[in-house]
């Protein structure tokens, strides 16, 4: 497909794969993870994000909003999301950035034009392009087009994925991907369904298939307090990964609260509101348990040295 839906393109990214990268964030994801730090990437349709602290109460957006979804009440900007038709006129006319429309349709040519701006950095530092989201596998035709264009230009590619998608999609993209960043959260299917609203069978099955093909993968484990940081789950993760045909490196991503304010901007509840960052001891315990299975474990991409 020559076009698709994204919500951002981030240049000079350093945490989305090796080297300096350009990260393309796809719009739409089949999962609804409680701690998603890019909730604006979940829905395929655009999302209206409201930053009330930036509003100067000029009233321009009120005049631009034809369905009358925006109003100024007691010196406060109010948005009726049920009335909003996501036309984006209010965001286009907002000079302070208080209103933002997250999500737009772009062509593959437009994406590649952005990507090619930084090829000199890719060449010097071993970087490239990362397709993230949302979930890139959720737009397989667009992803394939971009992967092929990158290969034609000899730009290395990384796909940041939850692994949830049809096997035929994984089989189609895998020869074009230099590295998969593969999120793995919960082994127990019932717990996975409760936390993400989808079963984990396709996720585990696709990772087994990639391992059988010796595809390049780094398994990433978002470690979330009260969700998947318990000993039973961490050991189950270790056992599953140790039995794969390829022994993959594991990168633990301890819980953080970056992105929590996005839920307020989207008018959505945050399911882990009471959660706090993991104590150092919990991260150490997870690393040690996974290492017992012969796995090479890092934390946020680096060898882990606990604070003293």
C-alpha atoms as a PDB file:
ATOM      1  CA  UNK A   1       0.000   0.000   0.000  1.00  0.00           C
ATOM      2  CA  UNK A   2       1.279   3.445  -0.874  1.00  0.00           C
ATOM      3  CA  UNK A   3      -0.306   5.197   2.110  1.00  0.00           C
ATOM      4  CA  UNK A   4      -1.050   4.561   5.764  1.00  0.00           C
ATOM      5  CA  UNK A   5      -1.820   6.200   9.098  1.00  0.00           C
ATOM      6  CA  UNK A   6       0.812   7.483  11.517  1.00  0.00           C
ATOM      7  CA  UNK A   7       0.805   9.827  14.501  1.00  0.00           C
ATOM      8  CA  UNK A   8       4.429  10.929  14.624  1.00  0.00           C
ATOM      9  CA  UNK A   9       7.884  10.721  13.080  1.00  0.00           C
ATOM     10  CA  UNK A  10      10.685  11.183  15.590  1.00  0.00           C
ATOM     11  CA  UNK A  11      14.173  12.020  14.373  1.00  0.00           C
ATOM     12  CA  UNK A  12      17.406  11.294  16.252  1.00  0.00           C
ATOM     13  CA  UNK A  13      15.844   8.581  18.426  1.00  0.00           C
ATOM     14  CA  UNK A  14      18.380   6.627  20.498  1.00  0.00           C
ATOM     15  CA  UNK A  15      16.195   4.129  22.385  1.00  0.00           C
ATOM     16  CA  UNK A  16      14.393   2.470  19.474  1.00  0.00           C
ATOM     17  CA  UNK A  17      17.161   0.210  18.229  1.00  0.00           C
ATOM     18  CA  UNK A  18      20.896   0.484  17.551  1.00  0.00           C
ATOM     19  CA  UNK A  19      22.473   3.828  16.692  1.00  0.00           C
ATOM     20  CA  UNK A  20      20.714   7.051  15.801  1.00  0.00           C
ATOM     21  CA  UNK A  21      17.325   6.332  14.271  1.00  0.00           C
ATOM     22  CA  UNK A  22      14.227   7.807  12.738  1.00  0.00           C
ATOM     23  CA  UNK A  23      11.155   6.289  14.375  1.00  0.00           C
ATOM     24  CA  UNK A  24       7.863   6.177  12.492  1.00  0.00           C
ATOM     25  CA  UNK A  25       4.882   5.700  14.803  1.00  0.00           C
ATOM     26  CA  UNK A  26       2.023   3.791  13.180  1.00  0.00           C
ATOM     27  CA  UNK A  27      -1.556   4.549  14.198  1.00  0.00           C
ATOM     28  CA  UNK A  28      -3.696   1.693  15.456  1.00  0.00           C
ATOM     29  CA  UNK A  29      -3.080  -1.288  17.736  1.00  0.00           C
ATOM     30  CA  UNK A  30      -5.163  -4.399  18.546  1.00  0.00           C
ATOM     31  CA  UNK A  31      -4.029  -4.325  22.205  1.00  0.00           C
ATOM     32  CA  UNK A  32      -5.291  -2.091  24.983  1.00  0.00           C
ATOM     33  CA  UNK A  33      -2.467  -2.403  27.506  1.00  0.00           C
ATOM     34  CA  UNK A  34      -3.135  -0.654  30.791  1.00  0.00           C
ATOM     35  CA  UNK A  35       0.265   1.033  30.852  1.00  0.00           C
ATOM     36  CA  UNK A  36       0.544   1.970  27.170  1.00  0.00           C
ATOM     37  CA  UNK A  37       2.775   5.053  26.953  1.00  0.00           C
ATOM     38  CA  UNK A  38       1.482   5.950  23.489  1.00  0.00           C
ATOM     39  CA  UNK A  39      -2.292   5.810  23.972  1.00  0.00           C
ATOM     40  CA  UNK A  40      -2.750   8.176  21.035  1.00  0.00           C
ATOM     41  CA  UNK A  41      -1.511   5.295  18.888  1.00  0.00           C
ATOM     42  CA  UNK A  42      -4.188   2.796  19.925  1.00  0.00           C
ATOM     43  CA  UNK A  43      -7.076   3.841  17.695  1.00  0.00           C
ATOM     44  CA  UNK A  44      -6.797   3.805  13.912  1.00  0.00           C
ATOM     45  CA  UNK A  45      -8.782   7.033  13.692  1.00  0.00           C
ATOM     46  CA  UNK A  46      -7.312  10.420  14.668  1.00  0.00           C
ATOM     47  CA  UNK A  47      -7.443  11.504  18.319  1.00  0.00           C
ATOM     48  CA  UNK A  48      -7.974  15.007  19.611  1.00  0.00           C
ATOM     49  CA  UNK A  49      -5.565  15.871  22.430  1.00  0.00           C
ATOM     50  CA  UNK A  50      -6.254  18.809  24.697  1.00  0.00           C
ATOM     51  CA  UNK A  51      -3.553  20.662  26.680  1.00  0.00           C
ATOM     52  CA  UNK A  52      -5.537  23.034  28.843  1.00  0.00           C
ATOM     53  CA  UNK A  53      -2.388  24.565  30.366  1.00  0.00           C
ATOM     54  CA  UNK A  54      -1.436  25.958  26.948  1.00  0.00           C
ATOM     55  CA  UNK A  55      -4.804  27.533  26.248  1.00  0.00           C
ATOM     56  CA  UNK A  56      -4.858  31.356  26.291  1.00  0.00           C
ATOM     57  CA  UNK A  57      -8.690  31.418  26.052  1.00  0.00           C
ATOM     58  CA  UNK A  58      -8.618  33.273  22.728  1.00  0.00           C
ATOM     59  CA  UNK A  59     -11.789  31.499  21.568  1.00  0.00           C
ATOM     60  CA  UNK A  60     -10.624  30.896  17.986  1.00  0.00           C
ATOM     61  CA  UNK A  61     -11.271  27.172  18.262  1.00  0.00           C
ATOM     62  CA  UNK A  62     -14.841  27.802  19.405  1.00  0.00           C
ATOM     63  CA  UNK A  63     -15.516  29.761  16.240  1.00  0.00           C
ATOM     64  CA  UNK A  64     -13.892  27.099  14.043  1.00  0.00           C
ATOM     65  CA  UNK A  65     -15.784  24.148  15.544  1.00  0.00           C
ATOM     66  CA  UNK A  66     -18.861  23.570  13.356  1.00  0.00           C
ATOM     67  CA  UNK A  67     -20.383  20.779  15.490  1.00  0.00           C
ATOM     68  CA  UNK A  68     -20.078  23.054  18.554  1.00  0.00           C
ATOM     69  CA  UNK A  69     -18.032  20.516  20.498  1.00  0.00           C
ATOM     70  CA  UNK A  70     -15.778  23.193  22.052  1.00  0.00           C
ATOM     71  CA  UNK A  71     -16.821  25.842  24.524  1.00  0.00           C
ATOM     72  CA  UNK A  72     -15.315  28.254  27.019  1.00  0.00           C
ATOM     73  CA  UNK A  73     -16.924  27.878  30.423  1.00  0.00           C
ATOM     74  CA  UNK A  74     -15.731  29.860  33.438  1.00  0.00           C
ATOM     75  CA  UNK A  75     -12.369  30.588  31.833  1.00  0.00           C
ATOM     76  CA  UNK A  76     -11.889  26.899  31.024  1.00  0.00           C
ATOM     77  CA  UNK A  77     -11.742  25.220  27.647  1.00  0.00           C
ATOM     78  CA  UNK A  78     -14.227  22.342  27.458  1.00  0.00           C
ATOM     79  CA  UNK A  79     -14.492  19.623  24.809  1.00  0.00           C
ATOM     80  CA  UNK A  80     -17.538  17.435  24.203  1.00  0.00           C
ATOM     81  CA  UNK A  81     -15.900  14.418  22.565  1.00  0.00           C
ATOM     82  CA  UNK A  82     -19.251  12.900  21.600  1.00  0.00           C
ATOM     83  CA  UNK A  83     -19.991  15.901  19.402  1.00  0.00           C
ATOM     84  CA  UNK A  84     -16.466  16.155  17.968  1.00  0.00           C
ATOM     85  CA  UNK A  85     -16.180  14.921  14.367  1.00  0.00           C
ATOM     86  CA  UNK A  86     -12.337  15.000  14.398  1.00  0.00           C
ATOM     87  CA  UNK A  87     -12.188  17.363  11.439  1.00  0.00           C
ATOM     88  CA  UNK A  88      -9.047  19.004  12.852  1.00  0.00           C
ATOM     89  CA  UNK A  89      -9.986  22.602  12.073  1.00  0.00           C
ATOM     90  CA  UNK A  90      -9.605  23.595  15.724  1.00  0.00           C
ATOM     91  CA  UNK A  91      -6.082  22.144  15.868  1.00  0.00           C
ATOM     92  CA  UNK A  92      -5.080  23.890  12.655  1.00  0.00           C
ATOM     93  CA  UNK A  93      -6.262  27.215  14.048  1.00  0.00           C
ATOM     94  CA  UNK A  94      -4.758  26.828  17.538  1.00  0.00           C
ATOM     95  CA  UNK A  95      -1.610  28.952  17.674  1.00  0.00           C
ATOM     96  CA  UNK A  96      -0.585  27.853  21.191  1.00  0.00           C
ATOM     97  CA  UNK A  97      -0.731  24.099  20.600  1.00  0.00           C
ATOM     98  CA  UNK A  98      -3.457  23.636  23.202  1.00  0.00           C
ATOM     99  CA  UNK A  99      -5.369  21.433  20.747  1.00  0.00           C
ATOM    100  CA  UNK A 100      -3.595  18.779  18.719  1.00  0.00           C
ATOM    101  CA  UNK A 101      -4.923  16.215  16.261  1.00  0.00           C
ATOM    102  CA  UNK A 102      -2.909  13.015  16.670  1.00  0.00           C
ATOM    103  CA  UNK A 103      -2.976  10.925  13.537  1.00  0.00           C
ATOM    104  CA  UNK A 104      -2.843  11.574   9.824  1.00  0.00           C
ATOM    105  CA  UNK A 105      -2.724   9.708   6.561  1.00  0.00           C
ATOM    106  CA  UNK A 106       0.612   9.891   4.742  1.00  0.00           C
ATOM    107  CA  UNK A 107       2.089   8.338   1.648  1.00  0.00           C
ATOM    108  CA  UNK A 108       5.107   6.054   1.702  1.00  0.00           C
ATOM    109  CA  UNK A 109       6.918   8.678  -0.382  1.00  0.00           C
ATOM    110  CA  UNK A 110       6.296  11.322   2.295  1.00  0.00           C
ATOM    111  CA  UNK A 111       7.670   9.041   5.009  1.00  0.00           C
ATOM    112  CA  UNK A 112      10.746   8.142   2.978  1.00  0.00           C
ATOM    113  CA  UNK A 113      11.409  11.803   2.293  1.00  0.00           C
ATOM    114  CA  UNK A 114      11.670  12.340   6.056  1.00  0.00           C
ATOM    115  CA  UNK A 115      13.734   9.202   6.531  1.00  0.00           C
ATOM    116  CA  UNK A 116      16.309  10.093   3.886  1.00  0.00           C
ATOM    117  CA  UNK A 117      17.114  13.381   5.581  1.00  0.00           C
ATOM    118  CA  UNK A 118      19.207  11.515   8.151  1.00  0.00           C
ATOM    119  CA  UNK A 119      20.988   8.842   6.112  1.00  0.00           C
ATOM    120  CA  UNK A 120      24.353  10.387   6.952  1.00  0.00           C
ATOM    121  CA  UNK A 121      23.700   9.714  10.649  1.00  0.00           C
ATOM    122  CA  UNK A 122      22.620   6.140   9.940  1.00  0.00           C
ATOM    123  CA  UNK A 123      25.814   5.483   7.993  1.00  0.00           C
ATOM    124  CA  UNK A 124      28.074   6.951  10.668  1.00  0.00           C
ATOM    125  CA  UNK A 125      26.511   5.313  13.722  1.00  0.00           C
ATOM    126  CA  UNK A 126      24.930   2.099  12.507  1.00  0.00           C
ATOM    127  CA  UNK A 127      21.429   3.493  12.856  1.00  0.00           C
ATOM    128  CA  UNK A 128      18.415   3.334  10.604  1.00  0.00           C
ATOM    129  CA  UNK A 129      14.644   3.403  10.669  1.00  0.00           C
ATOM    130  CA  UNK A 130      12.370   1.958  13.359  1.00  0.00           C
ATOM    131  CA  UNK A 131       8.710   1.288  12.682  1.00  0.00           C
ATOM    132  CA  UNK A 132       6.817   1.516  15.965  1.00  0.00           C
ATOM    133  CA  UNK A 133       3.389   2.499  17.126  1.00  0.00           C
ATOM    134  CA  UNK A 134       0.709   1.674  17.846  1.00  0.00           C
ATOM    135  CA  UNK A 135       1.447  -1.597  16.117  1.00  0.00           C
ATOM    136  CA  UNK A 136       3.161  -1.734  12.694  1.00  0.00           C
ATOM    137  CA  UNK A 137       1.786  -5.221  11.958  1.00  0.00           C
ATOM    138  CA  UNK A 138      -1.701  -3.686  12.155  1.00  0.00           C
ATOM    139  CA  UNK A 139      -1.001  -1.990   8.780  1.00  0.00           C
ATOM    140  CA  UNK A 140       0.833  -4.796   6.957  1.00  0.00           C
ATOM    141  CA  UNK A 141       0.602  -3.422   3.424  1.00  0.00           C
ATOM    142  CA  UNK A 142       1.964  -0.018   4.393  1.00  0.00           C
ATOM    143  CA  UNK A 143       4.692  -1.603   6.525  1.00  0.00           C
ATOM    144  CA  UNK A 144       5.779  -3.861   3.664  1.00  0.00           C
ATOM    145  CA  UNK A 145       5.953  -0.927   1.267  1.00  0.00           C
ATOM    146  CA  UNK A 146       8.146   1.068   3.648  1.00  0.00           C
ATOM    147  CA  UNK A 147      10.393  -1.901   4.410  1.00  0.00           C
ATOM    148  CA  UNK A 148      10.947  -2.505   0.709  1.00  0.00           C
ATOM    149  CA  UNK A 149      11.720   1.157   0.103  1.00  0.00           C
ATOM    150  CA  UNK A 150      14.253   1.110   2.940  1.00  0.00           C
ATOM    151  CA  UNK A 151      15.924  -2.004   1.573  1.00  0.00           C
ATOM    152  CA  UNK A 152      16.087  -0.471  -1.880  1.00  0.00           C
ATOM    153  CA  UNK A 153      17.942   2.477  -0.329  1.00  0.00           C
ATOM    154  CA  UNK A 154      20.113   0.202   1.872  1.00  0.00           C
ATOM    155  CA  UNK A 155      18.674   1.669   5.095  1.00  0.00           C
ATOM    156  CA  UNK A 156      18.589  -0.767   8.013  1.00  0.00           C
ATOM    157  CA  UNK A 157      15.213  -1.479   9.547  1.00  0.00           C
ATOM    158  CA  UNK A 158      13.836  -2.292  12.988  1.00  0.00           C
ATOM    159  CA  UNK A 159      10.246  -3.236  13.757  1.00  0.00           C
ATOM    160  CA  UNK A 160       9.035  -2.552  17.307  1.00  0.00           C
ATOM    161  CA  UNK A 161       6.104  -4.925  17.767  1.00  0.00           C
ATOM    162  CA  UNK A 162       3.852  -6.612  20.279  1.00  0.00           C
ATOM    163  CA  UNK A 163       3.855  -9.625  17.953  1.00  0.00           C
ATOM    164  CA  UNK A 164       0.077  -9.830  17.706  1.00  0.00           C
ATOM    165  CA  UNK A 165      -0.875 -10.441  14.093  1.00  0.00           C
ATOM    166  CA  UNK A 166      -1.460 -13.138  11.467  1.00  0.00           C
ATOM    167  CA  UNK A 167       1.494 -15.459  10.841  1.00  0.00           C
ATOM    168  CA  UNK A 168       1.387 -14.656   7.133  1.00  0.00           C
ATOM    169  CA  UNK A 169       2.165 -11.017   7.947  1.00  0.00           C
ATOM    170  CA  UNK A 170       5.161 -11.958  10.083  1.00  0.00           C
ATOM    171  CA  UNK A 171       6.392 -14.306   7.371  1.00  0.00           C
ATOM    172  CA  UNK A 172       6.067 -11.563   4.762  1.00  0.00           C
ATOM    173  CA  UNK A 173       7.951  -8.859   6.654  1.00  0.00           C
ATOM    174  CA  UNK A 174      10.659 -10.909   8.342  1.00  0.00           C
ATOM    175  CA  UNK A 175      13.107 -11.103   5.366  1.00  0.00           C
ATOM    176  CA  UNK A 176      13.075  -7.286   5.198  1.00  0.00           C
ATOM    177  CA  UNK A 177      13.658  -6.625   8.913  1.00  0.00           C
ATOM    178  CA  UNK A 178      17.162  -6.275  10.366  1.00  0.00           C
ATOM    179  CA  UNK A 179      15.922  -6.397  13.961  1.00  0.00           C
ATOM    180  CA  UNK A 180      12.656  -7.084  15.748  1.00  0.00           C
ATOM    181  CA  UNK A 181      12.094  -5.426  19.126  1.00  0.00           C
ATOM    182  CA  UNK A 182       9.544  -7.899  20.433  1.00  0.00           C
ATOM    183  CA  UNK A 183       7.486  -7.039  23.515  1.00  0.00           C
ATOM    184  CA  UNK A 184       6.597  -9.921  25.807  1.00  0.00           C
ATOM    185  CA  UNK A 185       4.553  -9.220  28.930  1.00  0.00           C
ATOM    186  CA  UNK A 186       2.648 -12.202  30.308  1.00  0.00           C
ATOM    187  CA  UNK A 187       2.786 -15.946  29.698  1.00  0.00           C
ATOM    188  CA  UNK A 188      -0.520 -16.847  31.346  1.00  0.00           C
ATOM    189  CA  UNK A 189      -3.210 -16.352  28.714  1.00  0.00           C
ATOM    190  CA  UNK A 190      -5.972 -15.296  31.117  1.00  0.00           C
ATOM    191  CA  UNK A 191      -3.761 -12.664  32.732  1.00  0.00           C
ATOM    192  CA  UNK A 192      -2.632 -11.446  29.326  1.00  0.00           C
ATOM    193  CA  UNK A 193      -6.201 -11.092  28.140  1.00  0.00           C
ATOM    194  CA  UNK A 194      -7.134  -9.169  31.296  1.00  0.00           C
ATOM    195  CA  UNK A 195      -4.240  -6.738  30.851  1.00  0.00           C
ATOM    196  CA  UNK A 196      -4.359  -6.277  27.063  1.00  0.00           C
ATOM    197  CA  UNK A 197      -7.862  -7.453  26.015  1.00  0.00           C
ATOM    198  CA  UNK A 198      -6.386 -10.011  23.587  1.00  0.00           C
ATOM    199  CA  UNK A 199      -5.065 -13.573  23.989  1.00  0.00           C
ATOM    200  CA  UNK A 200      -1.318 -14.151  23.814  1.00  0.00           C
ATOM    201  CA  UNK A 201      -1.406 -17.265  21.595  1.00  0.00           C
ATOM    202  CA  UNK A 202      -0.493 -15.387  18.384  1.00  0.00           C
ATOM    203  CA  UNK A 203       2.255 -13.468  20.209  1.00  0.00           C
ATOM    204  CA  UNK A 204       3.919 -16.588  21.583  1.00  0.00           C
ATOM    205  CA  UNK A 205       3.408 -18.490  18.340  1.00  0.00           C
ATOM    206  CA  UNK A 206       4.934 -15.774  16.170  1.00  0.00           C
ATOM    207  CA  UNK A 207       7.963 -15.522  18.445  1.00  0.00           C
ATOM    208  CA  UNK A 208       8.446 -19.303  18.262  1.00  0.00           C
ATOM    209  CA  UNK A 209       8.330 -19.078  14.470  1.00  0.00           C
ATOM    210  CA  UNK A 210      10.852 -16.223  14.338  1.00  0.00           C
ATOM    211  CA  UNK A 211      13.153 -18.164  16.662  1.00  0.00           C
ATOM    212  CA  UNK A 212      12.886 -21.200  14.386  1.00  0.00           C
ATOM    213  CA  UNK A 213      13.996 -18.999  11.489  1.00  0.00           C
ATOM    214  CA  UNK A 214      16.822 -17.535  13.624  1.00  0.00           C
ATOM    215  CA  UNK A 215      15.429 -14.077  12.880  1.00  0.00           C
ATOM    216  CA  UNK A 216      17.201 -11.195  14.656  1.00  0.00           C
ATOM    217  CA  UNK A 217      15.158 -10.403  17.765  1.00  0.00           C
ATOM    218  CA  UNK A 218      15.599  -8.609  21.057  1.00  0.00           C
ATOM    219  CA  UNK A 219      12.851  -9.556  23.480  1.00  0.00           C
ATOM    220  CA  UNK A 220      11.725  -6.616  25.573  1.00  0.00           C
ATOM    221  CA  UNK A 221       9.878  -7.121  28.844  1.00  0.00           C
ATOM    222  CA  UNK A 222       8.018  -4.059  30.161  1.00  0.00           C
ATOM    223  CA  UNK A 223       8.120  -4.770  33.902  1.00  0.00           C
ATOM    224  CA  UNK A 224       4.952  -3.419  35.477  1.00  0.00           C
ATOM    225  CA  UNK A 225       4.190  -3.300  39.218  1.00  0.00           C
ATOM    226  CA  UNK A 226       1.316  -5.527  40.182  1.00  0.00           C
ATOM    227  CA  UNK A 227       0.847  -6.703  36.587  1.00  0.00           C
ATOM    228  CA  UNK A 228       3.752  -8.923  35.548  1.00  0.00           C
ATOM    229  CA  UNK A 229       6.593  -8.360  38.034  1.00  0.00           C
ATOM    230  CA  UNK A 230       5.708 -11.349  40.227  1.00  0.00           C
ATOM    231  CA  UNK A 231       8.040 -14.323  40.475  1.00  0.00           C
ATOM    232  CA  UNK A 232       5.596 -16.729  38.812  1.00  0.00           C
ATOM    233  CA  UNK A 233       5.368 -14.681  35.645  1.00  0.00           C
ATOM    234  CA  UNK A 234       9.064 -13.760  35.439  1.00  0.00           C
ATOM    235  CA  UNK A 235      10.044 -17.417  35.789  1.00  0.00           C
ATOM    236  CA  UNK A 236       7.429 -18.411  33.216  1.00  0.00           C
ATOM    237  CA  UNK A 237       8.930 -15.853  30.838  1.00  0.00           C
ATOM    238  CA  UNK A 238      12.390 -17.267  31.422  1.00  0.00           C
ATOM    239  CA  UNK A 239      11.242 -20.846  30.865  1.00  0.00           C
ATOM    240  CA  UNK A 240       9.451 -19.957  27.627  1.00  0.00           C
ATOM    241  CA  UNK A 241      12.396 -17.984  26.214  1.00  0.00           C
ATOM    242  CA  UNK A 242      14.946 -20.633  27.203  1.00  0.00           C
ATOM    243  CA  UNK A 243      13.029 -23.267  25.210  1.00  0.00           C
ATOM    244  CA  UNK A 244      12.994 -21.280  21.951  1.00  0.00           C
ATOM    245  CA  UNK A 245      15.071 -22.510  19.030  1.00  0.00           C
ATOM    246  CA  UNK A 246      17.136 -19.312  19.251  1.00  0.00           C
ATOM    247  CA  UNK A 247      18.279 -17.949  22.611  1.00  0.00           C
ATOM    248  CA  UNK A 248      17.422 -14.271  22.370  1.00  0.00           C
ATOM    249  CA  UNK A 249      18.753 -11.382  24.459  1.00  0.00           C
ATOM    250  CA  UNK A 250      16.214  -9.892  26.870  1.00  0.00           C
ATOM    251  CA  UNK A 251      15.892  -6.214  27.683  1.00  0.00           C
ATOM    252  CA  UNK A 252      13.870  -5.266  30.765  1.00  0.00           C
ATOM    253  CA  UNK A 253      11.997  -1.979  30.600  1.00  0.00           C
ATOM    254  CA  UNK A 254      11.074  -0.972  34.177  1.00  0.00           C
ATOM    255  CA  UNK A 255       7.762   0.823  34.601  1.00  0.00           C
ATOM    256  CA  UNK A 256       7.784   4.581  34.207  1.00  0.00           C
ATOM    257  CA  UNK A 257       5.089   7.225  34.255  1.00  0.00           C
ATOM    258  CA  UNK A 258       6.176   9.007  31.093  1.00  0.00           C
ATOM    259  CA  UNK A 259       3.097   9.487  28.984  1.00  0.00           C
ATOM    260  CA  UNK A 260       0.565   9.304  31.821  1.00  0.00           C
ATOM    261  CA  UNK A 261      -0.524  12.882  31.141  1.00  0.00           C
ATOM    262  CA  UNK A 262      -1.501  11.840  27.614  1.00  0.00           C
ATOM    263  CA  UNK A 263      -4.529  10.052  29.058  1.00  0.00           C
ATOM    264  CA  UNK A 264      -5.807  13.343  30.485  1.00  0.00           C
ATOM    265  CA  UNK A 265      -5.271  15.024  27.122  1.00  0.00           C
ATOM    266  CA  UNK A 266      -7.283  12.255  25.459  1.00  0.00           C
ATOM    267  CA  UNK A 267     -10.007  12.241  28.106  1.00  0.00           C
ATOM    268  CA  UNK A 268      -9.340   8.606  29.008  1.00  0.00           C
ATOM    269  CA  UNK A 269      -8.757   6.900  32.385  1.00  0.00           C
ATOM    270  CA  UNK A 270      -5.312   5.526  33.233  1.00  0.00           C
ATOM    271  CA  UNK A 271      -5.588   2.013  34.661  1.00  0.00           C
ATOM    272  CA  UNK A 272      -2.322   2.112  36.667  1.00  0.00           C
ATOM    273  CA  UNK A 273      -2.932   5.477  38.306  1.00  0.00           C
ATOM    274  CA  UNK A 274      -1.767   4.269  41.719  1.00  0.00           C
ATOM    275  CA  UNK A 275       1.344   2.470  40.466  1.00  0.00           C
ATOM    276  CA  UNK A 276       4.791   3.820  41.253  1.00  0.00           C
ATOM    277  CA  UNK A 277       8.197   3.156  39.735  1.00  0.00           C
ATOM    278  CA  UNK A 278       9.632  -0.238  40.593  1.00  0.00           C
ATOM    279  CA  UNK A 279      12.126  -0.384  43.467  1.00  0.00           C
ATOM    280  CA  UNK A 280      15.667  -1.262  42.533  1.00  0.00           C
ATOM    281  CA  UNK A 281      15.391  -4.604  44.309  1.00  0.00           C
ATOM    282  CA  UNK A 282      12.486  -5.692  42.090  1.00  0.00           C
ATOM    283  CA  UNK A 283      14.470  -5.014  38.922  1.00  0.00           C
ATOM    284  CA  UNK A 284      17.496  -6.876  40.332  1.00  0.00           C
ATOM    285  CA  UNK A 285      15.301  -9.851  41.211  1.00  0.00           C
ATOM    286  CA  UNK A 286      13.834 -10.006  37.702  1.00  0.00           C
ATOM    287  CA  UNK A 287      17.268  -9.812  36.088  1.00  0.00           C
ATOM    288  CA  UNK A 288      18.632 -12.580  38.294  1.00  0.00           C
ATOM    289  CA  UNK A 289      15.654 -14.865  37.735  1.00  0.00           C
ATOM    290  CA  UNK A 290      15.916 -14.547  33.950  1.00  0.00           C
ATOM    291  CA  UNK A 291      19.677 -15.056  34.023  1.00  0.00           C
ATOM    292  CA  UNK A 292      19.088 -18.380  35.796  1.00  0.00           C
ATOM    293  CA  UNK A 293      17.659 -19.633  32.492  1.00  0.00           C
ATOM    294  CA  UNK A 294      20.865 -18.802  30.640  1.00  0.00           C
ATOM    295  CA  UNK A 295      19.489 -15.598  29.134  1.00  0.00           C
ATOM    296  CA  UNK A 296      21.555 -12.495  28.490  1.00  0.00           C
ATOM    297  CA  UNK A 297      19.631  -9.711  30.240  1.00  0.00           C
ATOM    298  CA  UNK A 298      19.961  -5.935  30.020  1.00  0.00           C
ATOM    299  CA  UNK A 299      17.922  -3.077  31.460  1.00  0.00           C
ATOM    300  CA  UNK A 300      16.934  -0.288  29.066  1.00  0.00           C
ATOM    301  CA  UNK A 301      19.520  -1.589  26.644  1.00  0.00           C
ATOM    302  CA  UNK A 302      22.439  -1.538  29.051  1.00  0.00           C
ATOM    303  CA  UNK A 303      24.122  -3.986  31.399  1.00  0.00           C
ATOM    304  CA  UNK A 304      22.443  -3.570  34.743  1.00  0.00           C
ATOM    305  CA  UNK A 305      24.368  -2.277  37.723  1.00  0.00           C
ATOM    306  CA  UNK A 306      22.088  -1.640  40.728  1.00  0.00           C
ATOM    307  CA  UNK A 307      22.343   1.678  42.497  1.00  0.00           C
ATOM    308  CA  UNK A 308      24.216   1.657  45.807  1.00  0.00           C
END
